[in-house]
Amino acid sequence: MNIKFINGNGIKLLAAVLMLIDHIGMFFFPSAAWLRCIGRISLPLFAYMLSEGCRYTKNKLAHVALLAASAAVCQAVYYIVNGTLEMCILVTFTLSTLNIYAMQHFKRCALSDEGGVRVASSGCVFICMVFLTLYLNSIDTVFGVPFRIEYGFWGCMLPVFASAFDFYKMDAGALAALDCHAARLACFFAGMFMLALTHHIFRGNLLQWFSLLAVIPLMCYNGSRGRLNLKYFFYIFYPAHISLFYIISCLI
């Protein structure tokens, strides 16, 4: 029996529905913890598919630019509405993408005939990107304004876990055997566990443990995108439904 029957579009549509449920709870039913529990599954699904996008995207600069621009627009609206620098999930994923591309560059250099200086420099770039992400997540205020990156450091690094064994179009030799869905998913699960554990320890948030359930639909992922190109739909869906919910909450 083939359990891999969900394509990339299916995973992202499921994640969008779960995120919608989560935000319905956040805006309209804050005491209904079960809505937030269901919503915890959304982030890992989007995170894994982000790593898949980074794996196959040809124009990396355009990919990062689109993410960063979308994040900037959402963040400007957030600041106008809330007066805080609480970073939206698109900021988290922009940092994730930069880390993944830095890691990909390092792996390509390390697995090719590049000189030692190039390998070392690309490794330093990746390490610096990780430490920059860690530093940004250590900031609490900017000029007295509250600052926080959504899901913290481990949230930013979650898609990076899924990309650890990504050797797509690389001459990886024996390591290429690790570039399979099972290995990438196992590594990703370790990232989900770290995210849930740190939220439990440092924030007293037990809800994040429900995110581990995301492994169930991800086990059914067949590796294909699907017939329709829905990439821009998901960039629009996030700010659109947040804005709509905010307007409705102000009216009721």
Protein backbone atom coordinates (compact mmCIF):
# COMPACT_ATOMS: atom_id res chain seq x y z
CA MET A 1 0.00 0.00 0.00
CA ASN A 2 1.42 3.36 -1.07
CA ILE A 3 0.96 5.92 1.71
CA LYS A 4 2.62 8.74 -0.24
CA PHE A 5 -0.47 10.25 -1.80
CA ILE A 6 -0.22 13.95 -0.85
CA ASN A 7 1.61 16.38 -3.14
CA GLY A 8 3.19 19.68 -2.15
CA ASN A 9 0.07 21.69 -2.91
CA GLY A 10 -1.94 19.36 -0.69
CA ILE A 11 0.49 19.77 2.21
CA LYS A 12 0.44 23.58 1.90
CA LEU A 13 -3.35 23.75 1.56
CA LEU A 14 -3.67 21.61 4.70
CA ALA A 15 -1.23 23.94 6.46
CA ALA A 16 -3.26 26.98 5.35
CA VAL A 17 -6.50 25.48 6.70
CA LEU A 18 -4.82 24.64 10.02
CA MET A 19 -3.36 28.15 10.23
CA LEU A 20 -6.82 29.57 9.58
CA ILE A 21 -8.21 27.50 12.47
CA ASP A 22 -5.35 28.68 14.69
CA HIS A 23 -5.99 32.35 13.91
CA ILE A 24 -9.76 31.97 14.37
CA GLY A 25 -8.93 30.82 17.88
CA MET A 26 -6.42 33.63 18.41
CA PHE A 27 -8.74 36.43 17.25
CA PHE A 28 -12.20 35.25 18.25
CA PHE A 29 -11.99 32.35 20.74
CA PRO A 30 -8.85 32.88 22.84
CA SER A 31 -10.13 30.57 25.57
CA ALA A 32 -10.60 27.65 23.13
CA ALA A 33 -7.19 26.02 23.54
CA TRP A 34 -8.13 23.15 21.22
CA LEU A 35 -8.16 25.53 18.24
CA ARG A 36 -4.61 26.60 19.05
CA CYS A 37 -3.57 22.96 19.49
CA ILE A 38 -4.81 22.14 15.99
CA GLY A 39 -3.06 25.22 14.65
CA ARG A 40 0.34 24.11 15.98
CA ILE A 41 0.55 21.57 13.17
CA SER A 42 0.58 24.32 10.54
CA LEU A 43 4.08 25.73 11.08
CA PRO A 44 6.00 22.46 10.55
CA LEU A 45 4.07 21.77 7.35
CA PHE A 46 4.91 25.18 5.92
CA ALA A 47 8.50 24.87 7.19
CA TYR A 48 9.07 21.54 5.46
CA MET A 49 7.61 22.81 2.21
CA LEU A 50 9.82 25.91 2.47
CA SER A 51 12.85 23.61 2.56
CA GLU A 52 11.46 21.81 -0.50
CA GLY A 53 11.10 25.16 -2.28
CA CYS A 54 14.71 26.03 -1.46
CA ARG A 55 15.77 22.62 -2.78
CA TYR A 56 14.29 23.16 -6.24
CA THR A 57 14.18 26.96 -6.72
CA LYS A 58 16.43 28.06 -9.55
CA ASN A 59 16.44 31.80 -8.87
CA LYS A 60 17.48 31.97 -5.23
CA LEU A 61 17.89 35.74 -5.17
CA ALA A 62 14.33 36.27 -6.45
CA HIS A 63 13.05 33.77 -3.90
CA VAL A 64 14.69 35.58 -0.97
CA ALA A 65 13.66 38.98 -2.33
CA LEU A 66 10.00 37.93 -2.63
CA LEU A 67 9.97 36.54 0.91
CA ALA A 68 11.71 39.60 2.34
CA ALA A 69 9.42 42.03 0.49
CA SER A 70 6.30 40.17 1.67
CA ALA A 71 7.67 40.18 5.21
CA ALA A 72 8.39 43.92 5.06
CA VAL A 73 4.85 44.73 3.91
CA CYS A 74 3.29 42.57 6.63
CA GLN A 75 5.62 43.99 9.24
CA ALA A 76 4.77 47.57 8.34
CA VAL A 77 1.08 46.78 8.83
CA TYR A 78 1.83 45.00 12.12
CA TYR A 79 3.70 48.04 13.42
CA ILE A 80 0.95 50.47 12.42
CA VAL A 81 -1.71 48.31 14.08
CA ASN A 82 0.13 47.13 17.21
CA GLY A 83 2.99 49.61 17.63
CA THR A 84 5.40 46.74 18.34
CA LEU A 85 8.11 44.94 16.43
CA GLU A 86 6.64 41.48 16.87
CA MET A 87 7.98 39.84 13.72
CA CYS A 88 5.55 37.86 11.55
CA ILE A 89 6.20 34.32 10.33
CA LEU A 90 7.47 35.61 6.97
CA VAL A 91 10.42 37.21 8.78
CA THR A 92 11.12 33.84 10.42
CA PHE A 93 11.03 32.11 7.05
CA THR A 94 13.23 34.75 5.42
CA LEU A 95 15.93 33.98 7.97
CA SER A 96 15.34 30.25 7.41
CA THR A 97 15.85 30.66 3.67
CA LEU A 98 19.07 32.63 4.08
CA ASN A 99 20.43 29.91 6.37
CA ILE A 100 19.46 27.17 3.93
CA TYR A 101 21.10 28.87 0.96
CA ALA A 102 24.26 29.55 2.98
CA MET A 103 24.36 25.88 3.96
CA GLN A 104 23.74 24.75 0.37
CA HIS A 105 26.63 26.91 -0.84
CA PHE A 106 28.93 25.44 1.80
CA LYS A 107 27.97 21.88 0.86
CA ARG A 108 28.54 22.54 -2.84
CA CYS A 109 31.98 23.96 -2.12
CA ALA A 110 32.89 21.14 0.27
CA LEU A 111 31.77 18.42 -2.16
CA SER A 112 33.44 19.90 -5.24
CA ASP A 113 37.04 20.48 -6.20
CA GLU A 114 36.99 24.00 -4.77
CA GLY A 115 40.08 25.12 -2.89
CA GLY A 116 40.31 25.03 0.87
CA VAL A 117 39.97 28.80 1.14
CA ARG A 118 36.63 28.77 -0.69
CA VAL A 119 35.34 25.91 1.46
CA ALA A 120 36.44 27.67 4.64
CA SER A 121 34.95 31.01 3.58
CA SER A 122 31.60 29.44 2.63
CA GLY A 123 31.58 27.59 5.95
CA CYS A 124 32.23 30.85 7.79
CA VAL A 125 29.35 32.51 5.93
CA PHE A 126 26.99 29.74 7.04
CA ILE A 127 28.21 29.87 10.65
CA CYS A 128 27.88 33.67 10.68
CA MET A 129 24.32 33.36 9.34
CA VAL A 130 23.42 30.95 12.14
CA PHE A 131 24.91 33.25 14.78
CA LEU A 132 23.17 36.27 13.24
CA THR A 133 19.87 34.40 13.53
CA LEU A 134 20.68 33.52 17.13
CA TYR A 135 21.59 37.13 17.91
CA LEU A 136 18.41 38.55 16.37
CA ASN A 137 16.40 36.15 18.48
CA SER A 138 18.17 37.36 21.64
CA ILE A 139 16.94 40.95 21.17
CA ASP A 140 14.01 41.97 23.37
CA THR A 141 13.60 45.64 22.47
CA VAL A 142 14.67 48.05 19.73
CA PHE A 143 14.76 51.69 20.88
CA GLY A 144 12.37 50.75 23.65
CA VAL A 145 9.90 49.03 21.31
CA PRO A 146 9.20 45.32 22.06
CA PHE A 147 10.91 43.04 19.52
CA ARG A 148 10.42 39.32 18.98
CA ILE A 149 10.86 36.95 16.06
CA GLU A 150 7.96 34.49 15.87
CA TYR A 151 8.85 30.96 17.02
CA GLY A 152 12.35 32.05 18.04
CA PHE A 153 15.70 30.63 16.98
CA TRP A 154 14.56 27.03 16.62
CA GLY A 155 11.58 28.15 14.56
CA CYS A 156 13.98 29.90 12.18
CA MET A 157 16.18 26.80 12.02
CA LEU A 158 13.34 24.30 11.58
CA PRO A 159 13.40 24.34 7.74
CA VAL A 160 17.21 24.13 7.91
CA PHE A 161 16.91 20.73 9.64
CA ALA A 162 14.90 19.46 6.67
CA SER A 163 17.65 20.66 4.32
CA ALA A 164 20.56 19.08 6.21
CA PHE A 165 20.65 16.02 3.92
CA ASP A 166 19.72 17.91 0.76
CA PHE A 167 22.34 17.10 -1.89
CA TYR A 168 20.18 17.91 -4.92
CA LYS A 169 22.38 18.35 -8.01
CA MET A 170 25.52 17.90 -5.89
CA ASP A 171 28.21 15.27 -6.40
CA ALA A 172 27.75 13.87 -2.91
CA GLY A 173 29.12 10.37 -3.49
CA ALA A 174 28.13 7.97 -0.71
CA LEU A 175 26.37 10.81 1.13
CA ALA A 176 23.77 10.89 -1.65
CA ALA A 177 22.13 7.86 0.01
CA LEU A 178 21.06 10.18 2.84
CA ASP A 179 19.21 12.44 0.42
CA CYS A 180 15.88 10.70 0.76
CA HIS A 181 12.54 11.68 2.22
CA ALA A 182 12.91 9.37 5.23
CA ALA A 183 16.27 10.84 6.27
CA ARG A 184 15.19 14.44 5.71
CA LEU A 185 11.97 13.83 7.66
CA ALA A 186 13.85 12.20 10.55
CA CYS A 187 16.18 15.20 10.78
CA PHE A 188 13.21 17.54 10.53
CA PHE A 189 11.48 15.69 13.37
CA ALA A 190 14.54 16.38 15.54
CA GLY A 191 14.10 20.08 14.75
CA MET A 192 10.40 19.93 15.66
CA PHE A 193 11.32 18.27 18.95
CA MET A 194 13.86 21.00 19.77
CA LEU A 195 11.29 23.70 18.98
CA ALA A 196 8.66 22.10 21.21
CA LEU A 197 11.16 21.46 23.99
CA THR A 198 12.48 25.02 24.08
CA HIS A 199 8.96 26.45 24.04
CA HIS A 200 8.11 24.15 26.94
CA ILE A 201 11.20 25.01 29.00
CA PHE A 202 11.62 28.72 28.31
CA ARG A 203 8.04 29.83 27.64
CA GLY A 204 6.02 27.27 29.56
CA ASN A 205 4.11 26.60 26.34
CA LEU A 206 2.91 23.01 26.14
CA LEU A 207 0.85 23.56 23.00
CA GLN A 208 3.90 23.35 20.74
CA TRP A 209 4.18 19.61 21.42
CA PHE A 210 1.12 19.18 19.20
CA SER A 211 3.29 20.31 16.27
CA LEU A 212 4.92 16.86 16.29
CA LEU A 213 1.69 15.53 14.74
CA ALA A 214 2.78 17.21 11.50
CA VAL A 215 4.97 14.18 10.86
CA ILE A 216 1.82 12.19 9.94
CA PRO A 217 0.84 14.13 6.78
CA LEU A 218 4.53 14.65 5.95
CA MET A 219 5.01 10.89 5.88
CA CYS A 220 2.37 10.87 3.11
CA TYR A 221 4.20 13.51 1.02
CA ASN A 222 5.06 12.11 -2.42
CA GLY A 223 7.70 14.68 -3.38
CA SER A 224 5.78 16.26 -6.25
CA ARG A 225 4.48 19.84 -6.38
CA GLY A 226 1.11 19.13 -7.97
CA ARG A 227 -0.34 20.38 -11.22
CA LEU A 228 -1.18 23.93 -10.14
CA ASN A 229 1.38 26.59 -9.29
CA LEU A 230 -0.08 28.04 -6.09
CA LYS A 231 3.08 29.76 -4.86
CA TYR A 232 1.70 33.31 -4.96
CA PHE A 233 -1.59 32.24 -3.41
CA PHE A 234 0.18 31.41 -0.15
CA TYR A 235 2.07 34.73 -0.11
CA ILE A 236 -1.27 36.54 -0.43
CA PHE A 237 -3.29 34.27 1.86
CA TYR A 238 -1.31 35.00 5.03
CA PRO A 239 -1.56 38.82 5.11
CA ALA A 240 -5.06 38.78 3.58
CA HIS A 241 -6.72 36.59 6.20
CA ILE A 242 -4.84 38.27 9.09
CA SER A 243 -6.02 41.68 7.89
CA LEU A 244 -9.60 40.43 7.44
CA PHE A 245 -9.67 38.89 10.92
CA TYR A 246 -8.28 42.04 12.47
CA ILE A 247 -10.94 44.23 10.80
CA ILE A 248 -13.72 41.85 11.89
CA SER A 249 -12.40 41.76 15.47
CA CYS A 250 -12.44 45.56 15.58
CA LEU A 251 -16.04 45.66 14.41
CA ILE A 252 -17.48 43.12 16.83
